[in-house]
């Protein structure tokens, strides 16, 4: 039974997100201090800590739990937020933080969001549930990119990770960066096929089809990057931020079901969107869908 409850923290998160991101003229000092507070709630979510227990970034028991995960992304990101948070909370430091300082804190915050999903997909292999895999795409591309980069390091033969990571790089950055990653990983990607051996055997019996179908994930990703980039050039990016994605999350983001896998995923997604406002005008999401990756074996 989970001890952390999203609803208990909903009002506080609403305040912290508003103070961190939606007060236009608020100084960086105040924003950074508030993000430090919010990061403590994220750690509660990561480690399933109830409201009855105290949490601070520098608390020894919290540091011990962070160390036990043996994840550099988590450890380094908490330290960045803790360090900048300390500097901008205590009166000893009279120097105002810069926009660059704030960007470093935001980057660390994105890493903490990503770690929630890294931790989740280390329990439930990415791609084993097609609905969860595709609903994961309702997050900002930067979080998908960070998450999938980390998952790929330990699961390089997973075609779902490869496919979704190449798209996340494209959407978080650009086509050239995505193609560079694909080509840097070419030797590995050529070892991974996106269809079963039986399916490949059948296709080989049809020369016209075999000549055009991608034989491995390297060829597959090259084709899909070109297809998706053309859609983005014609229609524009669908969303890059929580604010731009929230309308789509509200419409498509809740998965029906009561299995532990689904309930935990729904809870993490809900947590990430608490307090986020909706910006922009939603586009037709169907015009951006060219292919949903099939379920893979665990």
Protein backbone atom coordinates (compact mmCIF):
# COMPACT_ATOMS: atom_id res chain seq x y z
CA UNK A 1 0.00 0.00 0.00
CA UNK A 2 1.40 3.39 -1.03
CA UNK A 3 2.06 5.83 1.81
CA UNK A 4 2.38 8.91 -0.41
CA UNK A 5 -0.94 10.39 -1.48
CA UNK A 6 -1.10 12.89 -4.37
CA UNK A 7 -4.28 14.46 -3.03
CA UNK A 8 -2.69 15.34 0.32
CA UNK A 9 -0.15 17.54 -1.46
CA UNK A 10 -2.32 18.90 -4.26
CA UNK A 11 -3.02 22.31 -2.70
CA UNK A 12 0.63 22.81 -1.73
CA UNK A 13 1.87 21.75 -5.16
CA UNK A 14 -0.56 24.17 -6.81
CA UNK A 15 0.94 27.00 -4.74
CA UNK A 16 4.55 25.97 -5.37
CA UNK A 17 4.11 25.54 -9.12
CA UNK A 18 2.32 28.88 -9.36
CA UNK A 19 5.02 30.68 -7.37
CA UNK A 20 7.80 29.00 -9.36
CA UNK A 21 6.51 29.45 -12.90
CA UNK A 22 3.48 31.70 -13.22
CA UNK A 23 4.43 34.92 -11.40
CA UNK A 24 6.00 36.81 -14.27
CA UNK A 25 8.17 39.27 -12.36
CA UNK A 26 9.14 37.12 -9.39
CA UNK A 27 12.94 37.20 -8.82
CA UNK A 28 14.99 34.08 -9.52
CA UNK A 29 15.91 33.88 -5.84
CA UNK A 30 12.33 33.23 -4.82
CA UNK A 31 11.67 30.84 -7.69
CA UNK A 32 14.72 28.72 -6.87
CA UNK A 33 13.83 28.59 -3.18
CA UNK A 34 10.31 27.45 -4.07
CA UNK A 35 11.55 24.79 -6.49
CA UNK A 36 13.66 23.43 -3.65
CA UNK A 37 10.48 23.01 -1.61
CA UNK A 38 8.74 21.32 -4.53
CA UNK A 39 11.67 18.95 -5.04
CA UNK A 40 11.18 17.72 -1.48
CA UNK A 41 7.67 16.65 -2.46
CA UNK A 42 9.05 14.87 -5.54
CA UNK A 43 11.42 12.94 -3.28
CA UNK A 44 8.47 11.99 -1.11
CA UNK A 45 6.85 10.59 -4.26
CA UNK A 46 10.01 8.75 -5.32
CA UNK A 47 10.61 7.16 -1.93
CA UNK A 48 6.93 6.82 -0.96
CA UNK A 49 7.25 8.96 2.17
CA UNK A 50 4.01 10.05 3.91
CA UNK A 51 3.25 13.52 5.19
CA UNK A 52 3.90 12.43 8.78
CA UNK A 53 7.66 12.16 8.12
CA UNK A 54 9.95 15.15 7.71
CA UNK A 55 11.84 15.51 4.44
CA UNK A 56 14.67 17.89 3.61
CA UNK A 57 17.19 17.52 0.79
CA UNK A 58 20.14 17.38 3.15
CA UNK A 59 18.62 15.03 5.74
CA UNK A 60 20.88 12.02 6.30
CA UNK A 61 18.11 9.46 5.90
CA UNK A 62 17.12 11.04 2.57
CA UNK A 63 20.72 11.10 1.37
CA UNK A 64 21.02 7.43 2.32
CA UNK A 65 17.94 6.56 0.28
CA UNK A 66 19.31 8.52 -2.68
CA UNK A 67 22.66 6.70 -2.42
CA UNK A 68 20.88 3.35 -2.28
CA UNK A 69 19.39 3.92 -5.74
CA UNK A 70 22.89 4.19 -7.23
CA UNK A 71 21.66 6.59 -9.90
CA UNK A 72 23.89 9.53 -10.80
CA UNK A 73 21.05 11.47 -12.42
CA UNK A 74 19.02 11.41 -9.20
CA UNK A 75 21.95 12.14 -6.90
CA UNK A 76 23.43 14.98 -8.96
CA UNK A 77 20.07 16.64 -9.59
CA UNK A 78 19.15 16.69 -5.90
CA UNK A 79 22.55 18.15 -5.08
CA UNK A 80 22.16 20.93 -7.66
CA UNK A 81 18.75 21.92 -6.30
CA UNK A 82 19.95 21.63 -2.70
CA UNK A 83 23.02 23.77 -3.36
CA UNK A 84 21.24 26.52 -5.28
CA UNK A 85 18.33 26.34 -2.87
CA UNK A 86 20.64 26.88 0.10
CA UNK A 87 22.36 29.80 -1.60
CA UNK A 88 19.04 31.50 -2.26
CA UNK A 89 17.41 30.80 1.08
CA UNK A 90 20.06 31.95 3.53
CA UNK A 91 20.90 35.64 3.99
CA UNK A 92 24.65 34.94 3.94
CA UNK A 93 24.58 34.97 0.14
CA UNK A 94 23.70 38.48 -1.05
CA UNK A 95 24.49 37.88 -4.71
CA UNK A 96 21.40 37.52 -6.90
CA UNK A 97 21.12 34.32 -8.95
CA UNK A 98 21.32 34.63 -12.72
CA UNK A 99 19.10 33.28 -15.48
CA UNK A 100 21.79 30.65 -16.09
CA UNK A 101 21.55 29.57 -12.43
CA UNK A 102 17.77 29.26 -12.77
CA UNK A 103 18.15 27.19 -15.95
CA UNK A 104 20.44 24.76 -14.11
CA UNK A 105 17.83 24.32 -11.39
CA UNK A 106 15.08 23.76 -13.99
CA UNK A 107 17.25 21.16 -15.73
CA UNK A 108 17.73 19.36 -12.41
CA UNK A 109 13.97 19.51 -11.81
CA UNK A 110 13.31 17.91 -15.21
CA UNK A 111 15.74 15.17 -14.21
CA UNK A 112 13.76 14.50 -11.04
CA UNK A 113 10.54 14.21 -13.04
CA UNK A 114 12.35 11.83 -15.38
CA UNK A 115 13.62 9.71 -12.53
CA UNK A 116 10.04 9.00 -11.47
CA UNK A 117 9.57 7.27 -14.83
CA UNK A 118 13.03 5.68 -14.91
CA UNK A 119 12.23 4.05 -11.58
CA UNK A 120 8.79 2.98 -12.85
CA UNK A 121 10.04 1.44 -16.10
CA UNK A 122 12.79 -0.42 -14.29
CA UNK A 123 9.94 -2.32 -12.62
CA UNK A 124 7.67 -2.57 -15.67
CA UNK A 125 9.71 -2.91 -18.84
CA UNK A 126 9.12 -0.11 -21.31
CA UNK A 127 7.02 -1.36 -24.23
CA UNK A 128 5.51 -4.33 -22.41
CA UNK A 129 2.25 -2.38 -22.12
CA UNK A 130 1.47 -0.56 -25.36
CA UNK A 131 -1.13 1.78 -23.84
CA UNK A 132 1.24 2.89 -21.09
CA UNK A 133 4.06 3.32 -23.58
CA UNK A 134 1.98 5.56 -25.82
CA UNK A 135 0.44 7.52 -22.92
CA UNK A 136 3.99 8.24 -21.74
CA UNK A 137 4.27 10.31 -24.94
CA UNK A 138 1.88 12.87 -23.40
CA UNK A 139 4.82 14.21 -21.38
CA UNK A 140 7.09 17.04 -22.58
CA UNK A 141 9.74 15.67 -24.99
CA UNK A 142 12.61 16.70 -22.70
CA UNK A 143 11.37 14.35 -19.95
CA UNK A 144 10.83 11.51 -22.41
CA UNK A 145 14.32 12.07 -23.80
CA UNK A 146 16.02 11.97 -20.39
CA UNK A 147 14.00 8.95 -19.27
CA UNK A 148 14.60 6.92 -22.40
CA UNK A 149 18.31 7.79 -22.60
CA UNK A 150 18.70 6.31 -19.13
CA UNK A 151 16.59 3.25 -19.87
CA UNK A 152 18.48 2.60 -23.11
CA UNK A 153 21.80 2.27 -21.27
CA UNK A 154 20.51 -0.86 -19.52
CA UNK A 155 18.17 -2.22 -22.21
CA UNK A 156 19.81 -1.61 -25.59
CA UNK A 157 17.98 -4.44 -27.32
CA UNK A 158 14.54 -3.01 -26.57
CA UNK A 159 13.06 -1.82 -29.90
CA UNK A 160 10.34 0.23 -28.17
CA UNK A 161 12.93 2.27 -26.26
CA UNK A 162 14.98 2.79 -29.41
CA UNK A 163 12.00 3.96 -31.45
CA UNK A 164 10.53 6.27 -28.82
CA UNK A 165 13.95 7.66 -27.90
CA UNK A 166 14.76 8.64 -31.48
CA UNK A 167 11.42 10.50 -31.65
CA UNK A 168 11.97 12.15 -28.27
CA UNK A 169 15.36 13.48 -29.40
CA UNK A 170 13.77 14.82 -32.59
CA UNK A 171 11.02 16.62 -30.67
CA UNK A 172 13.16 17.82 -27.77
CA UNK A 173 15.95 19.03 -30.07
CA UNK A 174 15.93 18.62 -33.85
CA UNK A 175 16.30 16.23 -36.78
CA UNK A 176 20.07 16.52 -37.04
CA UNK A 177 20.52 15.61 -33.38
CA UNK A 178 18.18 12.64 -33.73
CA UNK A 179 20.01 11.40 -36.84
CA UNK A 180 23.35 11.83 -35.10
CA UNK A 181 22.19 9.65 -32.21
CA UNK A 182 20.87 7.00 -34.61
CA UNK A 183 24.14 6.96 -36.55
CA UNK A 184 26.27 6.97 -33.39
CA UNK A 185 24.33 3.88 -32.27
CA UNK A 186 24.17 2.31 -35.75
CA UNK A 187 26.15 -0.81 -34.89
CA UNK A 188 23.85 -1.59 -31.97
CA UNK A 189 20.61 -0.65 -33.73
CA UNK A 190 21.41 -2.90 -36.68
CA UNK A 191 21.40 -5.86 -34.27
CA UNK A 192 17.82 -5.17 -33.19
CA UNK A 193 14.80 -6.08 -35.31
CA UNK A 194 11.33 -4.61 -34.82
CA UNK A 195 9.41 -7.65 -36.04
CA UNK A 196 9.54 -11.27 -34.94
CA UNK A 197 11.74 -13.85 -36.64
CA UNK A 198 8.60 -15.61 -37.91
CA UNK A 199 7.26 -12.39 -39.42
CA UNK A 200 10.62 -11.71 -41.04
CA UNK A 201 10.67 -15.22 -42.49
CA UNK A 202 7.23 -14.70 -44.05
CA UNK A 203 8.22 -11.31 -45.47
CA UNK A 204 11.31 -12.86 -47.08
CA UNK A 205 8.98 -14.95 -49.21
CA UNK A 206 7.62 -11.73 -50.78
CA UNK A 207 10.59 -10.06 -52.52
CA UNK A 208 8.77 -6.81 -53.34
CA UNK A 209 7.89 -6.34 -49.69
CA UNK A 210 11.22 -7.54 -48.35
CA UNK A 211 13.08 -5.03 -50.52
CA UNK A 212 11.33 -2.03 -48.97
CA UNK A 213 10.65 -2.99 -45.35
CA UNK A 214 13.24 -1.90 -42.76
CA UNK A 215 15.31 -4.91 -41.68
CA UNK A 216 16.42 -3.55 -38.31
CA UNK A 217 15.92 -0.65 -35.92
CA UNK A 218 18.58 1.46 -37.60
CA UNK A 219 16.69 1.46 -40.90
CA UNK A 220 13.35 1.72 -39.13
CA UNK A 221 14.34 4.80 -37.10
CA UNK A 222 15.85 6.58 -40.10
CA UNK A 223 12.55 6.16 -41.97
CA UNK A 224 10.40 7.27 -39.02
CA UNK A 225 12.53 10.31 -38.21
CA UNK A 226 12.13 11.51 -41.79
CA UNK A 227 8.36 10.86 -41.74
CA UNK A 228 7.76 12.56 -38.40
CA UNK A 229 10.02 15.49 -39.20
CA UNK A 230 7.98 16.17 -42.32
CA UNK A 231 4.81 16.24 -40.21
CA UNK A 232 6.44 18.65 -37.75
CA UNK A 233 7.59 20.89 -40.57
CA UNK A 234 4.07 21.01 -41.97
CA UNK A 235 2.07 21.22 -38.73
CA UNK A 236 4.48 22.54 -36.12
CA UNK A 237 5.41 20.89 -32.83
CA UNK A 238 2.41 19.53 -30.94
CA UNK A 239 3.72 20.37 -27.45
CA UNK A 240 7.04 20.91 -25.71
CA UNK A 241 5.99 21.98 -22.21
CA UNK A 242 3.64 20.73 -19.50
CA UNK A 243 1.43 23.71 -20.20
CA UNK A 244 1.11 22.94 -23.91
CA UNK A 245 0.57 19.22 -23.23
CA UNK A 246 -1.95 19.47 -20.41
CA UNK A 247 -5.07 19.59 -22.60
CA UNK A 248 -3.97 16.38 -24.30
CA UNK A 249 -3.16 14.77 -20.95
CA UNK A 250 -6.62 15.62 -19.60
CA UNK A 251 -8.26 14.12 -22.67
CA UNK A 252 -6.10 11.04 -23.25
CA UNK A 253 -3.87 10.61 -20.21
CA UNK A 254 -5.90 8.47 -17.82
CA UNK A 255 -5.66 4.72 -18.44
CA UNK A 256 -8.55 2.55 -17.34
CA UNK A 257 -7.71 -0.43 -15.16
CA UNK A 258 -6.84 -1.32 -11.59
CA UNK A 259 -3.70 -3.40 -11.96
CA UNK A 260 -0.71 -2.17 -9.91
CA UNK A 261 1.12 -1.34 -13.17
CA UNK A 262 -1.67 0.92 -14.44
CA UNK A 263 -2.54 2.50 -11.10
CA UNK A 264 1.08 3.40 -10.38
CA UNK A 265 1.55 4.90 -13.85
CA UNK A 266 -1.66 6.95 -13.58
CA UNK A 267 -0.53 8.24 -10.20
CA UNK A 268 2.85 9.39 -11.51
CA UNK A 269 1.32 11.10 -14.53
CA UNK A 270 -1.26 12.83 -12.35
CA UNK A 271 1.45 13.97 -9.95
CA UNK A 272 3.50 15.54 -12.76
CA UNK A 273 0.54 17.58 -14.03
CA UNK A 274 -0.74 18.86 -10.68
CA UNK A 275 -0.62 22.66 -10.65
CA UNK A 276 0.21 23.05 -14.33
CA UNK A 277 -1.86 25.57 -16.27
CA UNK A 278 -3.07 25.04 -19.82
CA UNK A 279 -1.46 27.29 -22.43
CA UNK A 280 -2.02 27.44 -26.18
CA UNK A 281 -4.70 26.04 -28.41
CA UNK A 282 -4.80 22.24 -28.83
CA UNK A 283 -4.28 20.88 -32.34
CA UNK A 284 -5.75 17.70 -33.79
CA UNK A 285 -3.55 15.03 -32.22
CA UNK A 286 -4.61 12.48 -34.84
CA UNK A 287 -2.83 14.42 -37.57
CA UNK A 288 0.46 13.72 -35.78
CA UNK A 289 0.03 9.97 -35.41
CA UNK A 290 1.69 7.94 -38.12
CA UNK A 291 2.29 4.63 -36.37
CA UNK A 292 1.93 3.16 -32.91
CA UNK A 293 4.69 0.75 -31.95
CA UNK A 294 3.36 -2.73 -31.32
CA UNK A 295 3.58 -4.50 -27.97
CA UNK A 296 6.91 -6.27 -27.45
CA UNK A 297 7.66 -9.32 -25.40
CA UNK A 298 9.05 -8.80 -21.90
